[in-house]
Protein backbone atom coordinates (compact mmCIF):
# COMPACT_ATOMS: atom_id res chain seq x y z
CA ASN A 1 0.00 0.00 0.00
CA ASP A 2 2.95 2.37 0.51
CA ASN A 3 3.54 2.43 -3.26
CA VAL A 4 0.07 3.77 -3.96
CA PRO A 5 0.27 7.49 -4.87
CA ARG A 6 -1.40 9.68 -2.29
CA GLU A 7 -3.57 12.67 -3.09
CA PRO A 8 -3.06 15.98 -1.31
CA PHE A 9 -5.13 16.07 1.86
CA CYS A 10 -7.53 18.82 0.81
CA GLN A 11 -7.95 17.30 -2.65
CA ALA A 12 -8.74 13.90 -1.19
CA LEU A 13 -11.29 15.40 1.18
CA HIS A 14 -12.84 17.36 -1.68
CA ASN A 15 -13.13 14.20 -3.80
CA ASN A 16 -14.81 12.35 -0.94
CA LEU A 17 -17.29 15.15 -0.28
CA GLN A 18 -20.61 14.11 -1.78
CA THR A 19 -21.75 17.60 -2.75
CA PRO A 20 -22.39 18.85 -6.31
CA ASP A 21 -19.97 21.52 -7.52
CA ASP A 22 -22.73 24.01 -8.22
CA VAL A 23 -23.99 23.68 -4.64
CA ILE A 24 -20.49 24.27 -3.29
CA ASP A 25 -20.16 27.20 -5.70
CA VAL A 26 -23.30 28.81 -4.30
CA TYR A 27 -22.11 28.00 -0.78
CA ALA A 28 -18.89 29.96 -1.33
CA VAL A 29 -20.75 33.03 -2.55
CA VAL A 30 -23.43 32.79 0.14
CA VAL A 31 -20.79 32.64 2.89
CA LEU A 32 -19.31 35.91 1.67
CA MET A 33 -22.78 37.48 1.43
CA LEU A 34 -23.69 36.33 4.94
CA ILE A 35 -20.48 37.75 6.34
CA SER A 36 -21.30 41.06 4.67
CA PHE A 37 -24.94 41.06 5.83
CA LEU A 38 -24.41 39.97 9.41
CA THR A 39 -21.71 42.57 10.02
CA HIS A 40 -22.94 45.49 7.91
CA ILE A 41 -22.80 47.90 10.86
CA GLU A 42 -19.40 47.06 12.36
CA ASN A 43 -17.98 45.68 9.13
CA HIS A 44 -14.24 46.14 9.68
CA PRO A 45 -13.43 42.59 10.93
CA ALA A 46 -15.57 41.10 8.15
CA SER A 47 -13.97 43.19 5.41
CA LEU A 48 -10.56 42.33 6.86
CA ALA A 49 -11.35 38.60 6.65
CA GLU A 50 -12.75 38.87 3.13
CA ASN A 51 -9.80 40.79 1.71
CA VAL A 52 -7.29 38.50 3.41
CA LEU A 53 -9.17 35.66 1.69
CA VAL A 54 -8.59 37.35 -1.68
CA VAL A 55 -4.87 37.84 -0.98
CA VAL A 56 -4.47 34.20 0.09
CA ALA A 57 -6.44 32.97 -2.95
CA VAL A 58 -4.26 34.88 -5.42
CA THR A 59 -1.08 33.87 -3.61
CA CYS A 60 -1.88 30.15 -3.40
CA ASN A 61 -3.50 29.56 -6.81
CA ARG A 62 -0.88 29.49 -9.58
CA ASN A 63 -3.62 30.03 -12.17
CA LEU A 64 -4.08 33.51 -10.68
CA HIS A 65 -0.42 34.48 -11.01
CA SER A 66 -1.00 37.02 -13.77
CA PRO A 67 -0.62 40.83 -13.87
CA MET A 68 -4.34 41.55 -13.53
CA TYR A 69 -4.77 39.32 -10.48
CA TYR A 70 -1.59 40.70 -8.93
CA PHE A 71 -3.10 44.18 -9.23
CA ILE A 72 -6.37 42.87 -7.75
CA CYS A 73 -4.33 41.31 -4.93
CA SER A 74 -2.69 44.70 -4.37
CA LEU A 75 -6.14 46.33 -4.24
CA ALA A 76 -7.28 43.74 -1.68
CA ALA A 77 -4.12 44.33 0.36
CA PHE A 78 -4.82 48.08 0.49
CA ASN A 79 -8.42 47.30 1.50
CA THR A 80 -7.02 45.05 4.22
CA ILE A 81 -4.91 47.93 5.53
CA ALA A 82 -7.99 50.19 5.60
CA SER A 83 -10.05 47.57 7.46
CA LEU A 84 -7.26 46.85 9.94
CA THR A 85 -6.77 50.56 10.56
CA LYS A 86 -10.44 51.18 11.32
CA THR A 87 -10.59 48.09 13.53
CA CYS A 88 -7.63 49.38 15.58
CA GLU A 89 -9.21 52.83 15.73
CA ASN A 90 -12.46 51.35 17.07
CA LEU A 91 -10.50 49.44 19.72
CA MET A 92 -8.70 52.65 20.74
CA ILE A 93 -12.02 54.48 21.06
CA THR A 94 -13.42 51.63 23.17
CA PHE A 95 -10.39 51.63 25.49
CA ALA A 96 -10.58 55.43 25.76
CA ASP A 97 -14.28 55.27 26.68
CA VAL A 98 -13.60 52.87 29.55
CA GLY A 99 -10.63 54.91 30.78
CA HIS A 100 -7.72 52.67 29.73
CA LEU A 101 -6.41 55.26 27.24
CA GLU A 102 -6.21 59.03 27.22
CA LYS A 103 -8.19 60.60 24.41
CA LYS A 104 -5.59 63.31 23.74
CA GLY A 105 -2.42 61.79 25.18
CA PRO A 106 0.91 62.00 23.29
CA SER A 107 1.04 58.27 22.56
CA GLU A 108 -2.57 58.24 21.40
CA THR A 109 -1.91 61.24 19.13
CA LYS A 110 1.04 59.46 17.51
CA LEU A 111 -1.02 56.30 17.03
CA ASP A 112 -3.78 58.38 15.48
CA ASP A 113 -1.27 59.90 13.04
CA VAL A 114 -0.03 56.43 12.10
CA MET A 115 -3.58 55.25 11.43
CA ASP A 116 -4.29 58.36 9.36
CA CYS A 117 -1.16 57.58 7.32
CA LEU A 118 -2.32 54.02 6.74
CA LEU A 119 -5.81 55.17 5.76
CA CYS A 120 -4.41 57.70 3.27
CA MET A 121 -2.06 55.04 1.94
CA SER A 122 -4.96 52.64 1.43
CA PHE A 123 -6.86 55.25 -0.57
CA LEU A 124 -3.91 56.24 -2.75
CA GLY A 125 -3.04 52.58 -3.25
CA SER A 126 -6.61 51.65 -4.16
CA ILE A 127 -6.95 54.24 -6.88
CA SER A 128 -3.40 53.51 -8.13
CA SER A 129 -4.30 49.82 -8.34
CA PHE A 130 -7.48 50.67 -10.24
CA LEU A 131 -5.42 52.77 -12.65
CA ALA A 132 -2.94 49.90 -13.17
CA ILE A 133 -5.82 47.46 -13.71
CA ALA A 134 -7.44 49.77 -16.29
CA VAL A 135 -4.18 50.04 -18.25
CA ASP A 136 -3.69 46.27 -18.02
CA ARG A 137 -7.20 45.62 -19.36
CA TYR A 138 -6.63 48.08 -22.19
CA ILE A 139 -3.42 46.30 -23.23
CA THR A 140 -5.11 42.89 -22.88
CA ILE A 141 -7.96 43.83 -25.20
CA PHE A 142 -6.31 46.02 -27.83
CA HIS A 143 -2.72 44.72 -27.84
CA ALA A 144 -3.40 41.05 -27.18
CA LEU A 145 -0.57 39.74 -29.38
CA ARG A 146 2.02 41.88 -27.61
CA TYR A 147 0.51 41.62 -24.13
CA HIS A 148 3.02 39.14 -22.69
CA ASN A 149 5.92 41.20 -24.05
CA ILE A 150 4.52 44.43 -22.58
CA MET A 151 3.16 43.20 -19.23
CA THR A 152 5.94 40.90 -18.08
CA MET A 153 5.94 39.65 -14.49
CA GLN A 154 9.14 41.58 -13.82
CA ARG A 155 7.50 44.79 -15.04
CA THR A 156 4.36 44.01 -13.03
CA ARG A 157 6.38 43.62 -9.82
CA ALA A 158 8.21 46.87 -10.56
CA ILE A 159 4.88 48.69 -11.03
CA LEU A 160 3.58 47.28 -7.74
CA GLY A 161 6.79 48.31 -5.98
CA VAL A 162 6.47 51.86 -7.29
CA ILE A 163 2.80 52.00 -6.24
CA TRP A 164 3.48 50.84 -2.67
CA ILE A 165 6.57 52.99 -2.11
CA THR A 166 5.02 56.12 -3.65
CA CYS A 167 1.73 55.71 -1.79
CA GLY A 168 3.52 55.15 1.52
CA MET A 169 5.71 58.24 1.15
CA SER A 170 2.78 60.34 -0.08
CA ALA A 171 0.61 59.27 2.85
CA ILE A 172 3.32 60.27 5.35
CA SER A 173 3.67 63.67 3.65
CA MET A 174 -0.09 64.21 3.64
CA VAL A 175 -0.49 63.52 7.35
CA THR A 176 2.65 65.45 8.35
CA PHE A 177 1.71 68.55 6.33
CA PHE A 178 -2.08 68.15 6.39
CA ALA A 179 -2.62 71.85 7.17
CA SER A 180 -0.83 72.80 3.94
CA THR A 181 -3.21 73.86 1.18
CA PHE A 182 -0.70 72.65 -1.41
CA ILE A 183 -0.77 69.09 -0.01
CA MET A 184 -4.57 69.10 -0.01
CA ILE A 185 -4.66 70.35 -3.62
CA CYS A 186 -2.20 67.61 -4.66
CA PHE A 187 -4.34 64.99 -2.92
CA VAL A 188 -7.56 66.09 -4.62
CA SER A 189 -5.82 66.63 -7.99
CA PHE A 190 -4.44 63.09 -7.92
CA PHE A 191 -7.94 61.74 -7.33
CA ILE A 192 -9.50 63.79 -10.15
CA ILE A 193 -6.73 63.10 -12.70
CA SER A 194 -6.76 59.36 -11.96
CA LEU A 195 -10.55 59.33 -12.18
CA VAL A 196 -10.48 61.03 -15.59
CA ILE A 197 -7.84 58.62 -16.95
CA ILE A 198 -9.67 55.52 -15.70
CA CYS A 199 -13.03 56.71 -17.02
CA PHE A 200 -11.49 57.57 -20.40
CA LEU A 201 -9.85 54.14 -20.71
CA TYR A 202 -13.04 52.25 -19.85
CA VAL A 203 -15.28 54.36 -22.09
CA TYR A 204 -12.78 54.01 -24.93
CA MET A 205 -12.55 50.24 -24.38
CA PHE A 206 -16.30 49.73 -24.46
CA MET A 207 -16.78 51.98 -27.50
CA LEU A 208 -14.15 50.07 -29.48
CA ALA A 209 -15.54 46.79 -28.17
CA ARG A 210 -18.94 47.66 -29.58
CA ILE A 211 -17.42 48.47 -32.97
CA HIS A 212 -15.36 45.28 -32.88
CA ALA A 213 -18.42 43.17 -31.98
CA ARG A 214 -20.31 44.58 -34.96
CA LYS A 215 -17.40 43.74 -37.28
CA ILE A 216 -17.27 40.17 -35.97
CA ALA A 217 -21.02 39.79 -36.42
CA ALA A 218 -20.75 41.04 -40.02
CA LEU A 219 -18.00 38.54 -40.94
CA PRO A 220 -19.00 35.25 -42.59
CA SER A 221 -18.68 32.26 -40.28
CA SER A 222 -15.18 30.75 -40.45
CA GLY A 223 -15.63 27.82 -38.10
CA GLY A 224 -13.83 27.24 -34.85
CA ARG A 225 -11.22 29.96 -35.34
CA ASN A 226 -13.79 32.74 -35.41
CA CYS A 227 -15.61 31.19 -32.46
CA HIS A 228 -12.37 30.99 -30.46
CA HIS A 229 -11.60 34.64 -31.24
CA GLN A 230 -15.07 35.65 -30.05
CA GLN A 231 -14.65 33.66 -26.83
CA ARG A 232 -11.29 35.31 -26.08
CA TRP A 233 -12.71 38.74 -26.78
CA GLY A 234 -15.79 38.04 -24.68
CA SER A 235 -13.65 36.83 -21.77
CA SER A 236 -11.53 39.99 -21.89
CA MET A 237 -14.60 42.20 -22.00
CA ARG A 238 -16.21 40.36 -19.08
CA GLY A 239 -13.04 41.03 -17.11
CA ALA A 240 -13.23 44.71 -18.07
CA LEU A 241 -16.91 44.81 -17.05
CA THR A 242 -16.10 43.29 -13.65
CA LEU A 243 -13.43 45.90 -13.05
CA THR A 244 -15.83 48.63 -14.17
CA ILE A 245 -18.30 47.45 -11.51
CA LEU A 246 -15.47 47.49 -8.95
CA PHE A 247 -14.54 51.02 -9.96
CA GLY A 248 -18.19 52.11 -9.75
CA ALA A 249 -18.37 50.76 -6.20
CA PHE A 250 -15.14 52.59 -5.41
CA MET A 251 -16.59 55.88 -6.66
CA VAL A 252 -19.84 55.49 -4.72
CA CYS A 253 -17.94 54.71 -1.50
CA TRP A 254 -15.04 57.16 -1.77
CA GLY A 255 -16.65 60.01 -3.76
CA PRO A 256 -18.56 61.62 -0.85
CA PHE A 257 -15.41 61.64 1.28
CA PHE A 258 -13.46 63.42 -1.44
CA LEU A 259 -16.25 65.92 -1.96
CA HIS A 260 -15.96 66.55 1.78
CA LEU A 261 -12.25 67.38 1.34
CA ILE A 262 -12.97 69.66 -1.63
CA ILE A 263 -15.60 71.51 0.42
CA ILE A 264 -13.08 72.02 3.23
CA MET A 265 -10.78 73.77 0.74
CA VAL A 266 -13.37 75.74 -1.25
CA CYS A 267 -15.96 76.87 1.31
CA PRO A 268 -14.96 75.99 4.88
CA THR A 269 -17.31 78.54 6.49
CA ASN A 270 -20.34 78.43 4.17
CA PRO A 271 -23.45 77.18 6.09
CA TYR A 272 -24.59 75.00 3.16
CA CYS A 273 -21.15 73.40 2.98
CA GLU A 274 -21.21 72.95 6.74
CA CYS A 275 -24.47 71.02 6.37
CA TYR A 276 -22.76 68.56 4.02
CA ARG A 277 -19.71 68.33 6.28
CA SER A 278 -21.96 67.32 9.17
CA LEU A 279 -22.50 64.00 7.34
CA PHE A 280 -18.84 63.05 7.79
CA GLN A 281 -19.60 59.87 9.78
CA LEU A 282 -21.88 58.67 6.97
CA HIS A 283 -19.06 59.32 4.50
CA MET A 284 -16.73 57.23 6.65
CA VAL A 285 -19.25 54.37 6.76
CA LEU A 286 -19.45 54.42 2.95
CA LEU A 287 -15.68 54.65 2.70
CA MET A 288 -15.11 51.58 4.87
CA SER A 289 -17.93 49.64 3.19
CA HIS A 290 -15.84 49.62 0.02
CA ALA A 291 -13.45 47.08 1.53
CA LEU A 292 -16.44 44.84 2.26
CA ILE A 293 -18.06 45.13 -1.18
CA ASP A 294 -15.05 44.28 -3.36
CA PRO A 295 -14.60 40.60 -2.38
CA THR A 296 -18.31 39.95 -2.90
CA ILE A 297 -18.01 41.33 -6.44
CA TYR A 298 -14.99 39.07 -7.04
CA ALA A 299 -17.05 36.08 -5.88
CA PHE A 300 -19.87 36.84 -8.30
CA ARG A 301 -17.91 38.02 -11.35
CA SER A 302 -14.61 36.08 -11.48
CA PRO A 303 -15.01 32.32 -12.10
CA GLU A 304 -11.36 31.59 -11.27
CA LEU A 305 -11.48 33.44 -7.95
CA ARG A 306 -14.89 31.98 -7.18
CA GLU A 307 -13.52 28.47 -7.73
CA THR A 308 -10.57 29.23 -5.47
CA PHE A 309 -12.87 30.65 -2.77
CA LYS A 310 -14.99 27.54 -3.05
CA LYS A 311 -12.06 25.18 -2.55
CA MET A 312 -10.65 27.21 0.34
CA LEU A 313 -13.99 27.38 2.16
CA VAL A 314 -14.82 23.71 1.58
CA CYS A 315 -11.31 22.68 2.64
CA SER A 316 -11.58 24.78 5.81
CA PHE A 317 -15.03 23.38 6.57
CA ILE A 318 -13.90 19.77 6.16
CA LEU A 319 -10.74 20.30 8.21
CA PHE A 320 -12.83 21.91 10.95
CA ARG A 321 -15.29 19.01 10.83
CA GLU A 322 -12.45 16.48 11.06
CA TRP A 323 -10.95 18.40 13.98
CA ILE A 324 -14.31 18.35 15.79
CA CYS A 325 -14.59 14.61 15.23
CA ILE A 326 -11.08 14.03 16.61
CA CYS A 327 -11.81 16.14 19.67
């Protein structure tokens, strides 16, 4: 019996599990939805768990080792930082309320500055990751034959390194010199310029995709080759559509917060502006909800990530069940 090849533990358990794949598939998505629903008020631990799940999925699944998924992993990592930061901030507030921390002590002020840096870094990193993803999708769709020469893994890692280093240094500068109008203008300008570039790329992609689809429909049928080309094109466009949905969620969640910053610069004393600024806590809830929404969109829109989530959740469930039986 020792000569019989052994399957990996999780794979063997998965093969022995008498559950249809589509049921497990729904189970994986439903778990993410339940996490989101049950913790929609204090959602930071849930969003932290979900985004860590995305990072682990991309890291462990070799099929996801591509530039686009690396950028998605970077986006999830920045979301993880945002969730972790808000979780720590909530803990600090709780300890301060019960008297274990001073609300305005020197150590607490320094910790607050660190958390502000991390939150700014997560925002800058999120929009930089979206920008990198948009460029990657553009190259995938319109320069498909040269894609692997343009977006090499070495170049992808260099881009990610630049994003993380630049965002970290920028976040430190923003918190250190927050009172400076110049820093605030740079912060808002970066958001607006990145937004314009991303919107332009996606609108341009979908306009050309529509023209391309009409050309394909007008061509006479050429058998499997034409069908294969349509499938590749459709897959690329579905990926672009998924990322467009992600970007739309990003805008809905982060837009009010940035409008809040613009109002601080433009009309800090206007009573109408003050009315909008009074909704700051609502803006923060929307801002932090973004980290919770993204993994759910991945689960619905990306078959490869959904399959990885499914295997991870089923594996964890079976291992937990086996552990319970042993105990």
